[in-house]
Amino acid sequence: MKLLKIAAAAAVLVAVPLTVPASDNTDTYRQLKLFGDVFERVRADYVEEVTDEELVEAAIRGMLTSLDPHSSYLDADSFQDMQVQTRGEFGGLGIEVTMENGYVKVVSPIDETPAFRAGVQAGDLITHLDEEPVLGLNLNDAVDRMRGPVGTDIRVTIRRGEQEPFDVTITRAIITVKSVRHRVEGDIGYVRITSFNEQTTVGLTDAISDLKEDLGDQLQGIVLDLRNNPGGLLEEAINVSDSFLERGEIVSTRGRFTEDSQRRNASPGDLADGLPMVVLINGGSASASEIVAGALQDHRRAVIMGTKSFGKGSVQTVVPLGAHGAMRLTTARYYTPSGRSIQAKGIDPDIIVERAKLESLQTGPARSEADLRGRLDNDGEGDDPAAAEEEQSGDVALEDYQLARAIDLLRGLALFNNRAVN
């Protein structure tokens, strides 16, 4: 069977036996008898008729969701949707979600999706769907209600921080995720990874190749933007980390039993040829994103900048249940190369840069040396390179303060390194 590591953080599709070692099962049989008694009483006396299948599935859902927020039951349709999502195309609103205090919490909106365009933000709490309260629903039920025919609308009630709840109408669409985007910012290469699907490593390789082709020897550094990246395939996260590391451990996983521990190591070769790197993270960077950020941080391959990440450091094993779908079960924690568990802690950036909005201030005309009578003329030639650079990065600073600081840092490192060589 093909192994598939999926996540909200990391999960692996495997076939495992559902048997347990022989032992004194007296208490277990007693509890199962209790379950059977309740099952029969509900089936016989509940006010409305309920099928055996509905009762069993509800019991399985309750058992799994009571363990932690990431263990769950996937019916056949949900399991198929999950497999489609890892291939990079799926139907819906375009948000990664979890549960918090009974509400649906947005881990992050996916770039260029209906939810993203509607202004949904990481950390938003969804309290109502088409005026129906979310309280009382499990995560799967809530996600099912958010899905629907392409082109139909859903009204989502959002609570954001201390603001009054407000409604947002979102039109469902086919979500095609291009997980890697890139562009040139002056002499800096910018690469954004929105999620980790089957196309991510190939997309990253193509992006770095394009940047090298565009800038050649002028390429001074790489910004890897993992903000609002909710995670995805563990194998892709390992490959992305390996792309920038020459050697050493990338990530380890430790389960309930010692023999279940695994370590993944880097192979020789750095896609960026040792150029300085900055990795941008925030509270919407979860799971597989945190694997990459943690690996590059521990190996001092990149400066991590932004705000603390989400803190999902658990591994889910997806166990197929034949025609009945699958169950997602938390089976391990993952650790960064230095041995850190980021579960419920997140990755702390090396340099904290909060999200901010800059505005240009209008000032009156200022006098300079050039305005003074009898001044000496400048005997140099050419334009001022510092002024050109400032003009080049001004728009970025106004639109994305965190990215602007990352670019400034890389340019500073490049300037320092060039002077050290000279």
Protein backbone atom coordinates (compact mmCIF):
# COMPACT_ATOMS: atom_id res chain seq x y z
CA MET A 1 0.00 0.00 0.00
CA LYS A 2 1.29 3.45 -0.90
CA LEU A 3 2.50 5.45 2.08
CA LEU A 4 1.06 8.94 2.22
CA LYS A 5 2.04 11.40 4.92
CA ILE A 6 -0.62 14.01 5.21
CA ALA A 7 -1.28 16.52 7.80
CA ALA A 8 -2.73 19.29 9.12
CA ALA A 9 0.75 18.60 10.50
CA ALA A 10 1.80 15.18 9.47
CA ALA A 11 -0.09 12.01 8.89
CA VAL A 12 0.72 8.73 7.29
CA LEU A 13 -1.63 6.42 5.41
CA VAL A 14 -0.90 2.87 6.48
CA ALA A 15 -2.64 -0.39 7.12
CA VAL A 16 -2.24 -1.43 10.74
CA PRO A 17 -3.80 -4.29 12.68
CA LEU A 18 -6.62 -3.27 14.98
CA THR A 19 -5.94 -6.09 17.42
CA VAL A 20 -4.57 -5.68 20.94
CA PRO A 21 -2.32 -8.03 22.94
CA ALA A 22 -4.11 -10.69 24.93
CA SER A 23 -4.57 -9.62 28.56
CA ASP A 24 -7.09 -9.57 31.35
CA ASN A 25 -10.02 -8.00 29.49
CA THR A 26 -12.59 -8.24 32.26
CA ASP A 27 -12.92 -4.46 32.62
CA THR A 28 -12.91 -4.02 28.84
CA TYR A 29 -15.76 -6.52 28.39
CA ARG A 30 -17.68 -4.80 31.18
CA GLN A 31 -17.34 -1.44 29.42
CA LEU A 32 -18.30 -2.96 26.06
CA LYS A 33 -21.40 -4.45 27.67
CA LEU A 34 -22.27 -0.96 28.95
CA PHE A 35 -21.88 0.36 25.43
CA GLY A 36 -24.09 -2.41 24.08
CA ASP A 37 -26.78 -1.67 26.66
CA VAL A 38 -26.79 2.03 25.79
CA PHE A 39 -26.79 1.24 22.08
CA GLU A 40 -29.84 -1.01 22.39
CA ARG A 41 -31.72 1.44 24.59
CA VAL A 42 -31.15 4.32 22.17
CA ARG A 43 -32.13 2.20 19.18
CA ALA A 44 -35.31 1.04 20.89
CA ASP A 45 -36.51 4.14 22.75
CA TYR A 46 -35.12 7.27 21.10
CA VAL A 47 -37.86 9.66 20.01
CA GLU A 48 -36.93 9.25 16.34
CA GLU A 49 -35.71 6.20 14.48
CA VAL A 50 -31.92 6.08 14.14
CA THR A 51 -30.08 3.54 12.01
CA ASP A 52 -27.43 1.26 13.46
CA GLU A 53 -24.89 2.79 11.05
CA GLU A 54 -25.60 6.31 12.31
CA LEU A 55 -25.23 5.23 15.93
CA VAL A 56 -21.98 3.36 15.35
CA GLU A 57 -20.44 6.21 13.35
CA ALA A 58 -21.48 8.70 16.04
CA ALA A 59 -19.88 6.52 18.71
CA ILE A 60 -16.64 6.27 16.71
CA ARG A 61 -16.59 10.03 16.16
CA GLY A 62 -17.13 10.67 19.83
CA MET A 63 -14.39 8.24 20.85
CA LEU A 64 -11.81 9.81 18.53
CA THR A 65 -12.67 13.49 18.96
CA SER A 66 -12.54 13.10 22.75
CA LEU A 67 -8.82 12.25 22.49
CA ASP A 68 -7.46 15.48 20.99
CA PRO A 69 -8.47 18.08 18.37
CA HIS A 70 -6.75 16.22 15.52
CA SER A 71 -8.00 12.65 15.96
CA SER A 72 -11.21 12.09 14.02
CA TYR A 73 -13.35 9.75 11.96
CA LEU A 74 -13.51 10.27 8.20
CA ASP A 75 -16.47 8.82 6.41
CA ALA A 76 -15.97 7.65 2.83
CA ASP A 77 -16.67 11.08 1.33
CA SER A 78 -14.42 12.94 3.79
CA PHE A 79 -11.62 10.44 3.24
CA GLN A 80 -11.86 10.93 -0.50
CA ASP A 81 -11.84 14.71 -0.06
CA MET A 82 -8.70 14.49 2.06
CA GLN A 83 -6.92 12.47 -0.61
CA VAL A 84 -7.99 14.95 -3.29
CA GLN A 85 -6.74 17.88 -1.20
CA THR A 86 -3.23 16.46 -0.93
CA ARG A 87 -3.08 16.38 -4.73
CA GLY A 88 -3.56 20.15 -4.77
CA GLU A 89 -7.18 20.55 -5.96
CA PHE A 90 -10.40 20.38 -3.98
CA GLY A 91 -13.78 22.03 -3.60
CA GLY A 92 -14.69 24.46 -0.82
CA LEU A 93 -13.97 27.89 0.65
CA GLY A 94 -10.19 27.72 0.87
CA ILE A 95 -9.52 27.72 4.63
CA GLU A 96 -7.63 25.37 6.94
CA VAL A 97 -9.58 24.95 10.18
CA THR A 98 -9.49 23.34 13.60
CA MET A 99 -11.79 23.42 16.65
CA GLU A 100 -11.38 25.70 19.66
CA ASN A 101 -13.86 25.96 22.55
CA GLY A 102 -16.63 24.55 20.39
CA TYR A 103 -16.08 26.96 17.50
CA VAL A 104 -14.36 26.50 14.16
CA LYS A 105 -11.02 28.31 14.27
CA VAL A 106 -9.32 29.41 11.06
CA VAL A 107 -5.70 28.24 11.05
CA SER A 108 -5.13 30.10 7.80
CA PRO A 109 -6.86 31.10 4.58
CA ILE A 110 -5.27 29.74 1.40
CA ASP A 111 -3.99 32.39 -0.98
CA GLU A 112 -6.24 33.43 -3.87
CA THR A 113 -9.27 31.43 -2.70
CA PRO A 114 -12.84 32.66 -1.99
CA ALA A 115 -12.15 32.86 1.78
CA PHE A 116 -8.90 34.75 1.21
CA ARG A 117 -10.58 37.24 -1.12
CA ALA A 118 -13.45 37.67 1.37
CA GLY A 119 -10.97 38.82 4.02
CA VAL A 120 -11.02 35.78 6.32
CA GLN A 121 -7.92 35.86 8.56
CA ALA A 122 -5.89 33.38 10.59
CA GLY A 123 -7.28 33.20 14.12
CA ASP A 124 -10.87 34.04 13.15
CA LEU A 125 -13.54 32.03 14.99
CA ILE A 126 -16.51 30.87 12.93
CA THR A 127 -19.57 30.86 15.18
CA HIS A 128 -22.44 30.37 12.70
CA LEU A 129 -22.92 28.87 9.25
CA ASP A 130 -25.95 30.23 7.40
CA GLU A 131 -27.22 31.48 10.79
CA GLU A 132 -26.98 27.99 12.29
CA PRO A 133 -24.70 27.86 15.39
CA VAL A 134 -21.48 25.87 15.17
CA LEU A 135 -21.61 24.96 18.87
CA GLY A 136 -22.52 21.31 19.20
CA LEU A 137 -21.00 20.29 15.86
CA ASN A 138 -17.78 18.35 15.57
CA LEU A 139 -15.15 19.50 13.09
CA ASN A 140 -16.16 17.06 10.36
CA ASP A 141 -19.81 18.13 10.54
CA ALA A 142 -18.84 21.80 10.36
CA VAL A 143 -16.56 21.19 7.38
CA ASP A 144 -19.32 19.23 5.64
CA ARG A 145 -21.67 22.21 6.02
CA MET A 146 -19.09 24.55 4.55
CA ARG A 147 -18.77 22.33 1.50
CA GLY A 148 -21.36 22.40 -1.25
CA PRO A 149 -21.97 22.83 -4.96
CA VAL A 150 -19.56 25.14 -6.75
CA GLY A 151 -21.07 28.59 -7.25
CA THR A 152 -23.36 28.49 -4.20
CA ASP A 153 -23.05 30.96 -1.33
CA ILE A 154 -22.62 30.40 2.38
CA ARG A 155 -22.94 33.08 5.05
CA VAL A 156 -20.26 32.73 7.71
CA THR A 157 -20.44 34.56 11.05
CA ILE A 158 -16.97 35.48 12.29
CA ARG A 159 -15.72 36.61 15.69
CA ARG A 160 -12.36 38.36 15.41
CA GLY A 161 -10.59 39.42 18.59
CA GLU A 162 -12.60 41.96 20.57
CA GLN A 163 -14.67 43.04 17.57
CA GLU A 164 -18.39 42.48 17.33
CA PRO A 165 -19.28 39.33 15.32
CA PHE A 166 -19.88 40.04 11.65
CA ASP A 167 -21.15 38.10 8.62
CA VAL A 168 -19.19 37.31 5.48
CA THR A 169 -20.80 35.78 2.39
CA ILE A 170 -18.45 33.43 0.52
CA THR A 171 -19.09 31.76 -2.82
CA ARG A 172 -17.91 28.16 -2.98
CA ALA A 173 -15.44 27.29 -5.74
CA ILE A 174 -13.04 24.64 -6.91
CA ILE A 175 -9.86 25.37 -5.00
CA THR A 176 -6.80 24.77 -7.14
CA VAL A 177 -3.77 25.29 -4.96
CA LYS A 178 -0.55 26.41 -6.58
CA SER A 179 1.57 25.76 -3.55
CA VAL A 180 4.71 27.66 -4.67
CA ARG A 181 4.93 31.20 -6.01
CA HIS A 182 8.00 33.32 -6.58
CA ARG A 183 9.15 36.72 -7.77
CA VAL A 184 12.16 38.99 -7.76
CA GLU A 185 12.42 41.80 -5.20
CA GLY A 186 15.36 43.82 -6.49
CA ASP A 187 18.36 41.57 -5.87
CA ILE A 188 16.45 39.25 -3.50
CA GLY A 189 14.52 36.13 -4.48
CA TYR A 190 11.10 35.74 -2.88
CA VAL A 191 9.51 32.28 -2.64
CA ARG A 192 6.13 31.68 -1.00
CA ILE A 193 4.87 28.20 -0.11
CA THR A 194 1.15 28.24 0.67
CA SER A 195 0.79 24.53 1.54
CA PHE A 196 2.68 21.28 1.25
CA ASN A 197 1.12 19.07 -1.42
CA GLU A 198 2.51 16.66 -3.99
CA GLN A 199 3.66 19.51 -6.23
CA THR A 200 5.60 21.53 -3.64
CA THR A 201 9.15 20.19 -4.05
CA VAL A 202 8.97 20.38 -7.84
CA GLY A 203 7.55 23.90 -7.60
CA LEU A 204 10.32 24.99 -5.22
CA THR A 205 13.04 23.62 -7.50
CA ASP A 206 11.55 25.45 -10.49
CA ALA A 207 11.19 28.67 -8.49
CA ILE A 208 14.83 28.74 -7.35
CA SER A 209 15.96 27.89 -10.88
CA ASP A 210 13.94 30.80 -12.28
CA LEU A 211 15.36 33.21 -9.70
CA LYS A 212 18.93 32.18 -10.53
CA GLU A 213 18.21 32.60 -14.22
CA ASP A 214 16.65 36.04 -13.70
CA LEU A 215 19.31 37.47 -11.39
CA GLY A 216 22.39 35.35 -11.95
CA ASP A 217 25.30 36.56 -9.80
CA GLN A 218 23.18 39.49 -8.59
CA LEU A 219 21.03 37.18 -6.43
CA GLN A 220 21.89 38.17 -2.84
CA GLY A 221 19.56 35.99 -0.79
CA ILE A 222 16.27 34.09 -0.52
CA VAL A 223 13.13 34.91 1.46
CA LEU A 224 11.08 31.74 2.11
CA ASP A 225 7.58 32.85 3.12
CA LEU A 226 5.68 30.26 5.20
CA ARG A 227 3.18 32.68 6.75
CA ASN A 228 -0.36 31.29 6.95
CA ASN A 229 0.85 27.93 5.61
CA PRO A 230 -1.27 25.35 7.47
CA GLY A 231 0.94 22.36 6.59
CA GLY A 232 0.29 19.34 4.41
CA LEU A 233 2.40 16.37 3.40
CA LEU A 234 5.19 15.53 5.82
CA GLU A 235 7.35 14.09 3.05
CA GLU A 236 7.19 17.38 1.14
CA ALA A 237 8.20 19.32 4.26
CA ILE A 238 11.21 17.03 4.66
CA ASN A 239 12.13 17.49 1.00
CA VAL A 240 11.88 21.27 1.24
CA SER A 241 14.12 21.29 4.32
CA ASP A 242 16.55 18.94 2.59
CA SER A 243 16.69 21.30 -0.39
CA PHE A 244 18.59 23.84 1.74
CA LEU A 245 20.56 21.55 4.09
CA GLU A 246 23.80 19.72 3.31
CA ARG A 247 23.70 17.28 6.21
CA GLY A 248 22.18 16.51 9.60
CA GLU A 249 18.81 15.60 11.02
CA ILE A 250 15.69 17.26 9.65
CA VAL A 251 13.01 15.92 11.98
CA SER A 252 12.36 13.02 14.34
CA THR A 253 9.11 11.46 15.47
CA ARG A 254 8.55 9.69 18.80
CA GLY A 255 5.49 7.63 19.55
CA ARG A 256 4.21 5.70 22.50
CA PHE A 257 6.80 2.97 22.07
CA THR A 258 10.54 3.46 21.66
CA GLU A 259 10.70 1.23 18.60
CA ASP A 260 8.31 3.57 16.77
CA SER A 261 10.81 6.46 16.81
CA GLN A 262 12.11 7.63 13.43
CA ARG A 263 14.72 10.12 12.28
CA ARG A 264 14.99 11.75 8.85
CA ASN A 265 18.32 13.17 7.69
CA ALA A 266 19.38 15.56 4.95
CA SER A 267 21.31 14.51 1.87
CA PRO A 268 24.16 16.60 0.35
CA GLY A 269 23.20 19.53 -1.86
CA ASP A 270 21.90 23.06 -1.21
CA LEU A 271 19.46 24.39 -3.79
CA ALA A 272 20.34 27.98 -2.83
CA ASP A 273 24.12 27.40 -2.99
CA GLY A 274 24.66 28.74 0.51
CA LEU A 275 23.00 32.12 -0.08
CA PRO A 276 21.67 33.73 3.12
CA MET A 277 18.01 32.98 3.84
CA VAL A 278 15.18 34.42 5.88
CA VAL A 279 12.10 32.32 6.68
CA LEU A 280 8.92 34.27 7.47
CA ILE A 281 6.42 32.68 9.88
CA ASN A 282 3.36 33.76 11.86
CA GLY A 283 0.51 32.31 13.90
CA GLY A 284 -0.93 30.70 10.79
CA SER A 285 2.26 28.71 10.10
CA ALA A 286 1.46 25.22 11.33
CA SER A 287 2.64 21.67 11.23
CA ALA A 288 4.74 20.94 8.14
CA SER A 289 5.66 24.64 8.02
CA GLU A 290 7.01 24.36 11.53
CA ILE A 291 9.08 21.32 10.55
CA VAL A 292 10.82 23.38 7.86
CA ALA A 293 11.27 26.45 10.06
CA GLY A 294 12.54 24.38 12.99
CA ALA A 295 15.03 22.43 10.87
CA LEU A 296 16.49 25.52 9.17
CA GLN A 297 16.61 27.37 12.49
CA ASP A 298 18.37 24.59 14.41
CA HIS A 299 20.97 24.17 11.66
CA ARG A 300 21.41 27.97 11.51
CA ARG A 301 20.75 27.80 7.81
CA ALA A 302 18.19 30.60 7.92
CA VAL A 303 17.08 33.47 10.12
CA ILE A 304 13.50 32.92 11.27
CA MET A 305 11.55 36.18 11.28
CA GLY A 306 7.98 37.19 12.08
CA THR A 307 5.81 36.02 14.98
CA LYS A 308 5.42 32.73 16.86
CA SER A 309 4.01 29.84 14.83
CA PHE A 310 0.84 27.83 15.53
CA GLY A 311 2.39 25.03 17.58
CA LYS A 312 1.04 21.82 16.09
CA GLY A 313 3.69 19.19 16.68
CA SER A 314 1.75 15.95 16.53
CA VAL A 315 1.64 13.20 13.91
CA GLN A 316 -1.63 11.68 12.73
CA THR A 317 -1.84 8.18 11.27
CA VAL A 318 -4.69 7.74 8.81
CA VAL A 319 -5.95 4.16 8.95
CA PRO A 320 -8.23 3.10 6.07
CA LEU A 321 -11.40 1.31 7.18
CA GLY A 322 -12.40 -0.20 3.86
CA ALA A 323 -15.67 1.11 2.45
CA HIS A 324 -16.35 2.94 5.72
CA GLY A 325 -13.67 5.60 5.20
CA ALA A 326 -10.77 5.99 7.62
CA MET A 327 -9.79 7.16 11.06
CA ARG A 328 -7.18 9.78 11.79
CA LEU A 329 -5.36 8.96 15.04
CA THR A 330 -2.62 10.92 16.76
CA THR A 331 0.26 8.48 17.13
CA ALA A 332 3.43 10.52 17.71
CA ARG A 333 5.03 13.89 18.33
CA TYR A 334 7.66 15.34 16.07
CA TYR A 335 10.83 17.08 17.21
CA THR A 336 13.21 19.54 15.61
CA PRO A 337 16.88 18.53 15.14
CA SER A 338 17.86 19.99 18.54
CA GLY A 339 15.22 17.83 20.23
CA ARG A 340 12.57 20.52 20.72
CA SER A 341 8.94 19.56 20.78
CA ILE A 342 6.91 22.47 19.50
CA GLN A 343 3.55 20.96 20.47
CA ALA A 344 1.44 23.79 21.91
CA LYS A 345 4.58 26.00 21.99
CA GLY A 346 5.34 26.83 18.38
CA ILE A 347 8.54 28.11 16.79
CA ASP A 348 9.86 31.34 18.27
CA PRO A 349 11.36 33.55 15.55
CA ASP A 350 14.97 34.67 15.87
CA ILE A 351 13.81 38.21 15.11
CA ILE A 352 10.29 39.19 16.13
CA VAL A 353 8.61 41.43 13.56
CA GLU A 354 4.94 42.09 14.14
CA ARG A 355 2.56 42.70 11.30
CA ALA A 356 2.37 46.45 10.74
CA LYS A 357 1.09 49.00 8.30
CA LEU A 358 3.34 51.87 7.23
CA GLU A 359 2.14 55.17 5.88
CA SER A 360 4.16 57.77 4.03
CA LEU A 361 4.23 61.08 5.88
CA GLN A 362 3.91 64.24 3.86
CA THR A 363 6.62 66.69 4.88
CA GLY A 364 7.51 70.14 3.67
CA PRO A 365 10.49 70.84 1.42
CA ALA A 366 13.80 70.29 3.21
CA ARG A 367 17.02 72.18 2.55
CA SER A 368 20.20 70.26 1.79
CA GLU A 369 23.80 70.99 0.84
CA ALA A 370 22.71 71.22 -2.79
CA ASP A 371 20.62 74.32 -1.92
CA LEU A 372 23.50 76.29 -0.39
CA ARG A 373 25.04 79.16 -2.36
CA GLY A 374 28.71 78.61 -3.16
CA ARG A 375 28.58 74.86 -2.51
CA LEU A 376 31.23 72.53 -3.94
CA ASP A 377 30.15 70.51 -6.95
CA ASN A 378 30.06 66.70 -6.81
CA ASP A 379 32.88 65.31 -8.93
CA GLY A 380 31.54 61.74 -8.86
CA GLU A 381 29.65 60.01 -11.63
CA GLY A 382 26.49 57.93 -11.77
CA ASP A 383 23.38 57.72 -9.61
CA ASP A 384 23.34 57.09 -5.90
CA PRO A 385 22.88 53.29 -5.50
CA ALA A 386 21.42 53.66 -2.02
CA ALA A 387 18.72 55.98 -3.36
CA ALA A 388 17.91 53.52 -6.14
CA GLU A 389 17.58 50.69 -3.64
CA GLU A 390 15.32 52.75 -1.40
CA GLU A 391 13.05 53.58 -4.34
CA GLN A 392 12.99 49.92 -5.33
CA SER A 393 11.88 48.60 -1.94
CA GLY A 394 9.55 51.41 -0.93
CA ASP A 395 6.35 49.80 -2.21
CA VAL A 396 7.16 46.51 -0.47
CA ALA A 397 7.63 48.28 2.87
CA LEU A 398 4.21 49.92 2.56
CA GLU A 399 2.42 46.73 1.54
CA ASP A 400 4.21 44.10 3.65
CA TYR A 401 6.28 45.33 6.58
CA GLN A 402 7.54 41.88 7.57
CA LEU A 403 8.74 41.09 4.06
CA ALA A 404 10.43 44.48 3.83
CA ARG A 405 12.38 43.78 7.02
CA ALA A 406 13.44 40.38 5.67
CA ILE A 407 14.71 41.98 2.46
CA ASP A 408 16.57 44.64 4.45
CA LEU A 409 18.26 41.96 6.56
CA LEU A 410 19.38 39.96 3.53
CA ARG A 411 20.74 43.06 1.82
CA GLY A 412 22.60 43.97 5.00
CA LEU A 413 24.11 40.49 5.21
CA ALA A 414 25.12 40.64 1.54
CA LEU A 415 26.73 44.05 2.03
CA PHE A 416 28.64 42.84 5.08
CA ASN A 417 29.81 39.67 3.35
CA ASN A 418 30.98 41.59 0.26
CA ARG A 419 32.97 44.01 2.41
CA ALA A 420 34.49 41.13 4.39
CA VAL A 421 35.66 39.49 1.15
CA ASN A 422 37.00 42.73 -0.30
